[in-house]
PDB file of all heavy atoms in Angstrom:
ATOM      1  N   GLY A   1      21.865   3.757 -15.351  1.00  0.00           N
ATOM      2  CA  GLY A   1      20.560   3.374 -14.840  1.00  0.00           C
ATOM      3  C   GLY A   1      20.239   3.976 -13.490  1.00  0.00           C
ATOM      4  O   GLY A   1      21.126   4.342 -12.725  1.00  0.00           O
ATOM      5  N   LYS A   2      18.946   4.067 -13.220  1.00  0.00           N
ATOM      6  CA  LYS A   2      18.465   4.565 -11.928  1.00  0.00           C
ATOM      7  C   LYS A   2      17.280   3.704 -11.508  1.00  0.00           C
ATOM      8  O   LYS A   2      16.306   3.572 -12.251  1.00  0.00           O
ATOM      9  CB  LYS A   2      18.036   6.025 -12.043  1.00  0.00           C
ATOM     10  CG  LYS A   2      17.520   6.593 -10.746  1.00  0.00           C
ATOM     11  CD  LYS A   2      17.127   8.050 -10.913  1.00  0.00           C
ATOM     12  CE  LYS A   2      16.616   8.603  -9.597  1.00  0.00           C
ATOM     13  NZ  LYS A   2      16.199   9.998  -9.743  1.00  0.00           N
ATOM     14  N   ASP A   3      17.382   3.112 -10.340  1.00  0.00           N
ATOM     15  CA  ASP A   3      16.341   2.230  -9.816  1.00  0.00           C
ATOM     16  C   ASP A   3      15.679   2.893  -8.621  1.00  0.00           C
ATOM     17  O   ASP A   3      16.356   3.292  -7.669  1.00  0.00           O
ATOM     18  CB  ASP A   3      16.971   0.896  -9.399  1.00  0.00           C
ATOM     19  CG  ASP A   3      15.943  -0.159  -9.047  1.00  0.00           C
ATOM     20  OD1 ASP A   3      14.790  -0.051  -9.512  1.00  0.00           O
ATOM     21  OD2 ASP A   3      16.301  -1.104  -8.324  1.00  0.00           O
ATOM     22  N   VAL A   4      14.366   3.035  -8.683  1.00  0.00           N
ATOM     23  CA  VAL A   4      13.596   3.549  -7.553  1.00  0.00           C
ATOM     24  C   VAL A   4      12.540   2.494  -7.240  1.00  0.00           C
ATOM     25  O   VAL A   4      11.810   2.064  -8.130  1.00  0.00           O
ATOM     26  CB  VAL A   4      12.928   4.904  -7.876  1.00  0.00           C
ATOM     27  CG1 VAL A   4      12.150   5.418  -6.673  1.00  0.00           C
ATOM     28  CG2 VAL A   4      13.967   5.932  -8.319  1.00  0.00           C
ATOM     29  N   TYR A   5      12.479   2.078  -5.988  1.00  0.00           N
ATOM     30  CA  TYR A   5      11.567   1.003  -5.610  1.00  0.00           C
ATOM     31  C   TYR A   5      10.991   1.282  -4.228  1.00  0.00           C
ATOM     32  O   TYR A   5      11.533   2.091  -3.456  1.00  0.00           O
ATOM     33  CB  TYR A   5      12.281  -0.351  -5.621  1.00  0.00           C
ATOM     34  CG  TYR A   5      13.529  -0.374  -4.794  1.00  0.00           C
ATOM     35  CD1 TYR A   5      13.485  -0.714  -3.446  1.00  0.00           C
ATOM     36  CD2 TYR A   5      14.760  -0.016  -5.336  1.00  0.00           C
ATOM     37  CE1 TYR A   5      14.630  -0.717  -2.668  1.00  0.00           C
ATOM     38  CE2 TYR A   5      15.910  -0.021  -4.581  1.00  0.00           C
ATOM     39  CZ  TYR A   5      15.835  -0.366  -3.246  1.00  0.00           C
ATOM     40  OH  TYR A   5      16.973  -0.352  -2.477  1.00  0.00           O
ATOM     41  N   LEU A   6       9.897   0.617  -3.944  1.00  0.00           N
ATOM     42  CA  LEU A   6       9.265   0.757  -2.641  1.00  0.00           C
ATOM     43  C   LEU A   6       9.827  -0.279  -1.684  1.00  0.00           C
ATOM     44  O   LEU A   6      10.114  -1.404  -2.080  1.00  0.00           O
ATOM     45  CB  LEU A   6       7.746   0.563  -2.765  1.00  0.00           C
ATOM     46  CG  LEU A   6       7.020   1.523  -3.701  1.00  0.00           C
ATOM     47  CD1 LEU A   6       5.512   1.253  -3.665  1.00  0.00           C
ATOM     48  CD2 LEU A   6       7.315   2.967  -3.372  1.00  0.00           C
ATOM     49  N   ASP A   7       9.973   0.130  -0.433  1.00  0.00           N
ATOM     50  CA  ASP A   7      10.406  -0.842   0.564  1.00  0.00           C
ATOM     51  C   ASP A   7       9.164  -1.486   1.186  1.00  0.00           C
ATOM     52  O   ASP A   7       8.024  -1.096   0.904  1.00  0.00           O
ATOM     53  CB  ASP A   7      11.314  -0.202   1.608  1.00  0.00           C
ATOM     54  CG  ASP A   7      10.640   0.894   2.420  1.00  0.00           C
ATOM     55  OD1 ASP A   7       9.412   0.844   2.632  1.00  0.00           O
ATOM     56  OD2 ASP A   7      11.357   1.817   2.857  1.00  0.00           O
ATOM     57  N   GLY A   8       9.394  -2.482   2.018  1.00  0.00           N
ATOM     58  CA  GLY A   8       8.291  -3.231   2.612  1.00  0.00           C
ATOM     59  C   GLY A   8       7.323  -2.363   3.394  1.00  0.00           C
ATOM     60  O   GLY A   8       6.109  -2.555   3.324  1.00  0.00           O
ATOM     61  N   ALA A   9       7.843  -1.385   4.131  1.00  0.00           N
ATOM     62  CA  ALA A   9       6.974  -0.514   4.929  1.00  0.00           C
ATOM     63  C   ALA A   9       6.075   0.327   4.025  1.00  0.00           C
ATOM     64  O   ALA A   9       4.901   0.550   4.340  1.00  0.00           O
ATOM     65  CB  ALA A   9       7.817   0.383   5.832  1.00  0.00           C
ATOM     66  N   GLU A  10       6.615   0.784   2.906  1.00  0.00           N
ATOM     67  CA  GLU A  10       5.801   1.576   1.975  1.00  0.00           C
ATOM     68  C   GLU A  10       4.695   0.726   1.356  1.00  0.00           C
ATOM     69  O   GLU A  10       3.555   1.179   1.225  1.00  0.00           O
ATOM     70  CB  GLU A  10       6.688   2.178   0.883  1.00  0.00           C
ATOM     71  CG  GLU A  10       7.625   3.248   1.416  1.00  0.00           C
ATOM     72  CD  GLU A  10       8.746   3.593   0.467  1.00  0.00           C
ATOM     73  OE1 GLU A  10       9.319   2.672  -0.160  1.00  0.00           O
ATOM     74  OE2 GLU A  10       9.071   4.799   0.363  1.00  0.00           O
ATOM     75  N   ILE A  11       5.026  -0.499   1.002  1.00  0.00           N
ATOM     76  CA  ILE A  11       4.013  -1.399   0.444  1.00  0.00           C
ATOM     77  C   ILE A  11       2.974  -1.749   1.505  1.00  0.00           C
ATOM     78  O   ILE A  11       1.766  -1.741   1.245  1.00  0.00           O
ATOM     79  CB  ILE A  11       4.678  -2.666  -0.134  1.00  0.00           C
ATOM     80  CG1 ILE A  11       5.519  -2.304  -1.365  1.00  0.00           C
ATOM     81  CG2 ILE A  11       3.625  -3.723  -0.483  1.00  0.00           C
ATOM     82  CD1 ILE A  11       6.381  -3.430  -1.902  1.00  0.00           C
ATOM     83  N   ASP A  12       3.445  -2.012   2.728  1.00  0.00           N
ATOM     84  CA  ASP A  12       2.538  -2.387   3.815  1.00  0.00           C
ATOM     85  C   ASP A  12       1.672  -1.230   4.305  1.00  0.00           C
ATOM     86  O   ASP A  12       0.716  -1.448   5.060  1.00  0.00           O
ATOM     87  CB  ASP A  12       3.323  -2.968   4.990  1.00  0.00           C
ATOM     88  CG  ASP A  12       3.926  -4.319   4.672  1.00  0.00           C
ATOM     89  OD1 ASP A  12       3.492  -4.956   3.682  1.00  0.00           O
ATOM     90  OD2 ASP A  12       4.846  -4.741   5.404  1.00  0.00           O
ATOM     91  N   SER A  13       1.986   0.003   3.902  1.00  0.00           N
ATOM     92  CA  SER A  13       1.169   1.139   4.326  1.00  0.00           C
ATOM     93  C   SER A  13      -0.204   1.131   3.655  1.00  0.00           C
ATOM     94  O   SER A  13      -1.112   1.848   4.069  1.00  0.00           O
ATOM     95  CB  SER A  13       1.896   2.468   4.039  1.00  0.00           C
ATOM     96  OG  SER A  13       2.006   2.689   2.644  1.00  0.00           O
ATOM     97  N   ILE A  14      -0.364   0.322   2.646  1.00  0.00           N
ATOM     98  CA  ILE A  14      -1.672   0.140   2.002  1.00  0.00           C
ATOM     99  C   ILE A  14      -2.387  -0.983   2.741  1.00  0.00           C
ATOM    100  O   ILE A  14      -1.869  -2.089   2.860  1.00  0.00           O
ATOM    101  CB  ILE A  14      -1.507  -0.213   0.514  1.00  0.00           C
ATOM    102  CG1 ILE A  14      -0.763   0.900  -0.214  1.00  0.00           C
ATOM    103  CG2 ILE A  14      -2.864  -0.482  -0.125  1.00  0.00           C
ATOM    104  CD1 ILE A  14      -0.325   0.534  -1.608  1.00  0.00           C
ATOM    105  N   GLU A  15      -3.554  -0.678   3.254  1.00  0.00           N
ATOM    106  CA  GLU A  15      -4.297  -1.659   4.044  1.00  0.00           C
ATOM    107  C   GLU A  15      -5.431  -2.259   3.220  1.00  0.00           C
ATOM    108  O   GLU A  15      -6.056  -1.570   2.424  1.00  0.00           O
ATOM    109  CB  GLU A  15      -4.860  -1.002   5.296  1.00  0.00           C
ATOM    110  CG  GLU A  15      -3.780  -0.483   6.222  1.00  0.00           C
ATOM    111  CD  GLU A  15      -4.340   0.223   7.444  1.00  0.00           C
ATOM    112  OE1 GLU A  15      -5.565   0.167   7.664  1.00  0.00           O
ATOM    113  OE2 GLU A  15      -3.545   0.829   8.166  1.00  0.00           O
ATOM    114  N   TYR A  16      -5.668  -3.528   3.442  1.00  0.00           N
ATOM    115  CA  TYR A  16      -6.769  -4.224   2.767  1.00  0.00           C
ATOM    116  C   TYR A  16      -7.819  -4.607   3.790  1.00  0.00           C
ATOM    117  O   TYR A  16      -7.501  -5.132   4.853  1.00  0.00           O
ATOM    118  CB  TYR A  16      -6.256  -5.472   2.046  1.00  0.00           C
ATOM    119  CG  TYR A  16      -7.352  -6.280   1.417  1.00  0.00           C
ATOM    120  CD1 TYR A  16      -8.041  -5.794   0.313  1.00  0.00           C
ATOM    121  CD2 TYR A  16      -7.710  -7.514   1.939  1.00  0.00           C
ATOM    122  CE1 TYR A  16      -9.061  -6.536  -0.267  1.00  0.00           C
ATOM    123  CE2 TYR A  16      -8.733  -8.264   1.364  1.00  0.00           C
ATOM    124  CZ  TYR A  16      -9.402  -7.764   0.264  1.00  0.00           C
ATOM    125  OH  TYR A  16     -10.409  -8.485  -0.313  1.00  0.00           O
ATOM    126  N   ASN A  17      -9.087  -4.355   3.485  1.00  0.00           N
ATOM    127  CA  ASN A  17     -10.196  -4.720   4.353  1.00  0.00           C
ATOM    128  C   ASN A  17     -10.986  -5.831   3.676  1.00  0.00           C
ATOM    129  O   ASN A  17     -11.599  -5.601   2.624  1.00  0.00           O
ATOM    130  CB  ASN A  17     -11.080  -3.494   4.610  1.00  0.00           C
ATOM    131  CG  ASN A  17     -12.198  -3.784   5.580  1.00  0.00           C
ATOM    132  OD1 ASN A  17     -12.909  -4.770   5.441  1.00  0.00           O
ATOM    133  ND2 ASN A  17     -12.353  -2.911   6.559  1.00  0.00           N
ATOM    134  N   GLU A  18     -10.953  -7.013   4.264  1.00  0.00           N
ATOM    135  CA  GLU A  18     -11.653  -8.160   3.668  1.00  0.00           C
ATOM    136  C   GLU A  18     -13.164  -7.958   3.628  1.00  0.00           C
ATOM    137  O   GLU A  18     -13.818  -8.420   2.688  1.00  0.00           O
ATOM    138  CB  GLU A  18     -11.323  -9.437   4.447  1.00  0.00           C
ATOM    139  CG  GLU A  18      -9.926  -9.934   4.214  1.00  0.00           C
ATOM    140  CD  GLU A  18      -9.645 -11.251   4.915  1.00  0.00           C
ATOM    141  OE1 GLU A  18     -10.606 -12.013   5.175  1.00  0.00           O
ATOM    142  OE2 GLU A  18      -8.473 -11.519   5.186  1.00  0.00           O
ATOM    143  N   GLU A  19     -13.717  -7.288   4.633  1.00  0.00           N
ATOM    144  CA  GLU A  19     -15.173  -7.099   4.674  1.00  0.00           C
ATOM    145  C   GLU A  19     -15.665  -6.231   3.524  1.00  0.00           C
ATOM    146  O   GLU A  19     -16.718  -6.500   2.947  1.00  0.00           O
ATOM    147  CB  GLU A  19     -15.583  -6.488   6.013  1.00  0.00           C
ATOM    148  CG  GLU A  19     -15.415  -7.434   7.174  1.00  0.00           C
ATOM    149  CD  GLU A  19     -15.782  -6.801   8.508  1.00  0.00           C
ATOM    150  OE1 GLU A  19     -16.467  -5.745   8.515  1.00  0.00           O
ATOM    151  OE2 GLU A  19     -15.389  -7.360   9.539  1.00  0.00           O
ATOM    152  N   THR A  20     -14.922  -5.189   3.203  1.00  0.00           N
ATOM    153  CA  THR A  20     -15.342  -4.284   2.121  1.00  0.00           C
ATOM    154  C   THR A  20     -14.696  -4.645   0.789  1.00  0.00           C
ATOM    155  O   THR A  20     -15.089  -4.108  -0.242  1.00  0.00           O
ATOM    156  CB  THR A  20     -14.971  -2.825   2.454  1.00  0.00           C
ATOM    157  OG1 THR A  20     -13.537  -2.717   2.565  1.00  0.00           O
ATOM    158  CG2 THR A  20     -15.641  -2.373   3.742  1.00  0.00           C
ATOM    159  N   ASP A  21     -13.692  -5.524   0.833  1.00  0.00           N
ATOM    160  CA  ASP A  21     -12.927  -5.899  -0.359  1.00  0.00           C
ATOM    161  C   ASP A  21     -12.315  -4.666  -1.032  1.00  0.00           C
ATOM    162  O   ASP A  21     -12.293  -4.544  -2.248  1.00  0.00           O
ATOM    163  CB  ASP A  21     -13.795  -6.685  -1.345  1.00  0.00           C
ATOM    164  CG  ASP A  21     -12.974  -7.374  -2.428  1.00  0.00           C
ATOM    165  OD1 ASP A  21     -11.811  -7.719  -2.168  1.00  0.00           O
ATOM    166  OD2 ASP A  21     -13.506  -7.557  -3.550  1.00  0.00           O
ATOM    167  N   MET A  22     -11.828  -3.752  -0.187  1.00  0.00           N
ATOM    168  CA  MET A  22     -11.247  -2.495  -0.666  1.00  0.00           C
ATOM    169  C   MET A  22      -9.873  -2.287  -0.035  1.00  0.00           C
ATOM    170  O   MET A  22      -9.574  -2.807   1.042  1.00  0.00           O
ATOM    171  CB  MET A  22     -12.151  -1.299  -0.303  1.00  0.00           C
ATOM    172  CG  MET A  22     -13.530  -1.338  -0.919  1.00  0.00           C
ATOM    173  SD  MET A  22     -13.535  -1.084  -2.691  1.00  0.00           S
ATOM    174  CE  MET A  22     -13.284   0.672  -2.767  1.00  0.00           C
ATOM    175  N   TYR A  23      -9.068  -1.501  -0.740  1.00  0.00           N
ATOM    176  CA  TYR A  23      -7.750  -1.098  -0.244  1.00  0.00           C
ATOM    177  C   TYR A  23      -7.839   0.340   0.236  1.00  0.00           C
ATOM    178  O   TYR A  23      -8.558   1.157  -0.352  1.00  0.00           O
ATOM    179  CB  TYR A  23      -6.703  -1.209  -1.354  1.00  0.00           C
ATOM    180  CG  TYR A  23      -6.430  -2.641  -1.739  1.00  0.00           C
ATOM    181  CD1 TYR A  23      -7.166  -3.267  -2.734  1.00  0.00           C
ATOM    182  CD2 TYR A  23      -5.428  -3.368  -1.090  1.00  0.00           C
ATOM    183  CE1 TYR A  23      -6.920  -4.585  -3.081  1.00  0.00           C
ATOM    184  CE2 TYR A  23      -5.180  -4.687  -1.426  1.00  0.00           C
ATOM    185  CZ  TYR A  23      -5.929  -5.284  -2.429  1.00  0.00           C
ATOM    186  OH  TYR A  23      -5.684  -6.587  -2.765  1.00  0.00           O
ATOM    187  N   TYR A  24      -7.056   0.650   1.293  1.00  0.00           N
ATOM    188  CA  TYR A  24      -7.084   1.981   1.896  1.00  0.00           C
ATOM    189  C   TYR A  24      -5.662   2.515   2.045  1.00  0.00           C
ATOM    190  O   TYR A  24      -4.756   1.788   2.437  1.00  0.00           O
ATOM    191  CB  TYR A  24      -7.769   1.923   3.265  1.00  0.00           C
ATOM    192  CG  TYR A  24      -9.215   1.511   3.164  1.00  0.00           C
ATOM    193  CD1 TYR A  24      -9.574   0.177   3.196  1.00  0.00           C
ATOM    194  CD2 TYR A  24     -10.209   2.471   2.999  1.00  0.00           C
ATOM    195  CE1 TYR A  24     -10.899  -0.210   3.076  1.00  0.00           C
ATOM    196  CE2 TYR A  24     -11.548   2.091   2.875  1.00  0.00           C
ATOM    197  CZ  TYR A  24     -11.869   0.754   2.922  1.00  0.00           C
ATOM    198  OH  TYR A  24     -13.182   0.373   2.793  1.00  0.00           O
ATOM    199  N   TYR A  25      -5.543   3.803   1.732  1.00  0.00           N
ATOM    200  CA  TYR A  25      -4.252   4.475   1.897  1.00  0.00           C
ATOM    201  C   TYR A  25      -4.512   5.974   2.068  1.00  0.00           C
ATOM    202  O   TYR A  25      -5.206   6.587   1.243  1.00  0.00           O
ATOM    203  CB  TYR A  25      -3.351   4.229   0.680  1.00  0.00           C
ATOM    204  CG  TYR A  25      -2.042   4.968   0.738  1.00  0.00           C
ATOM    205  CD1 TYR A  25      -1.031   4.547   1.592  1.00  0.00           C
ATOM    206  CD2 TYR A  25      -1.823   6.094  -0.044  1.00  0.00           C
ATOM    207  CE1 TYR A  25       0.162   5.227   1.668  1.00  0.00           C
ATOM    208  CE2 TYR A  25      -0.624   6.776   0.023  1.00  0.00           C
ATOM    209  CZ  TYR A  25       0.368   6.342   0.876  1.00  0.00           C
ATOM    210  OH  TYR A  25       1.553   7.020   0.964  1.00  0.00           O
ATOM    211  N   ASN A  26      -3.985   6.541   3.141  1.00  0.00           N
ATOM    212  CA  ASN A  26      -4.115   7.988   3.398  1.00  0.00           C
ATOM    213  C   ASN A  26      -5.557   8.484   3.286  1.00  0.00           C
ATOM    214  O   ASN A  26      -5.827   9.510   2.667  1.00  0.00           O
ATOM    215  CB  ASN A  26      -3.226   8.803   2.460  1.00  0.00           C
ATOM    216  CG  ASN A  26      -1.797   8.865   2.946  1.00  0.00           C
ATOM    217  OD1 ASN A  26      -1.485   8.485   4.074  1.00  0.00           O
ATOM    218  ND2 ASN A  26      -0.912   9.343   2.099  1.00  0.00           N
ATOM    219  N   GLY A  27      -6.481   7.740   3.857  1.00  0.00           N
ATOM    220  CA  GLY A  27      -7.875   8.159   3.871  1.00  0.00           C
ATOM    221  C   GLY A  27      -8.618   7.943   2.558  1.00  0.00           C
ATOM    222  O   GLY A  27      -9.774   8.332   2.441  1.00  0.00           O
ATOM    223  N   GLN A  28      -7.983   7.348   1.584  1.00  0.00           N
ATOM    224  CA  GLN A  28      -8.633   7.073   0.302  1.00  0.00           C
ATOM    225  C   GLN A  28      -8.879   5.579   0.184  1.00  0.00           C
ATOM    226  O   GLN A  28      -8.211   4.781   0.832  1.00  0.00           O
ATOM    227  CB  GLN A  28      -7.763   7.546  -0.857  1.00  0.00           C
ATOM    228  CG  GLN A  28      -7.502   9.031  -0.853  1.00  0.00           C
ATOM    229  CD  GLN A  28      -6.572   9.423  -1.986  1.00  0.00           C
ATOM    230  OE1 GLN A  28      -6.014   8.578  -2.669  1.00  0.00           O
ATOM    231  NE2 GLN A  28      -6.398  10.716  -2.187  1.00  0.00           N
TER     232      GLN A  28
END
């Protein structure tokens, strides 16, 4: 088996904006 997973910092790099109700990552 091979397990590849995201760590907390990678997950937290996605930002959520409550005002726009959108997620942001790397300018997208």
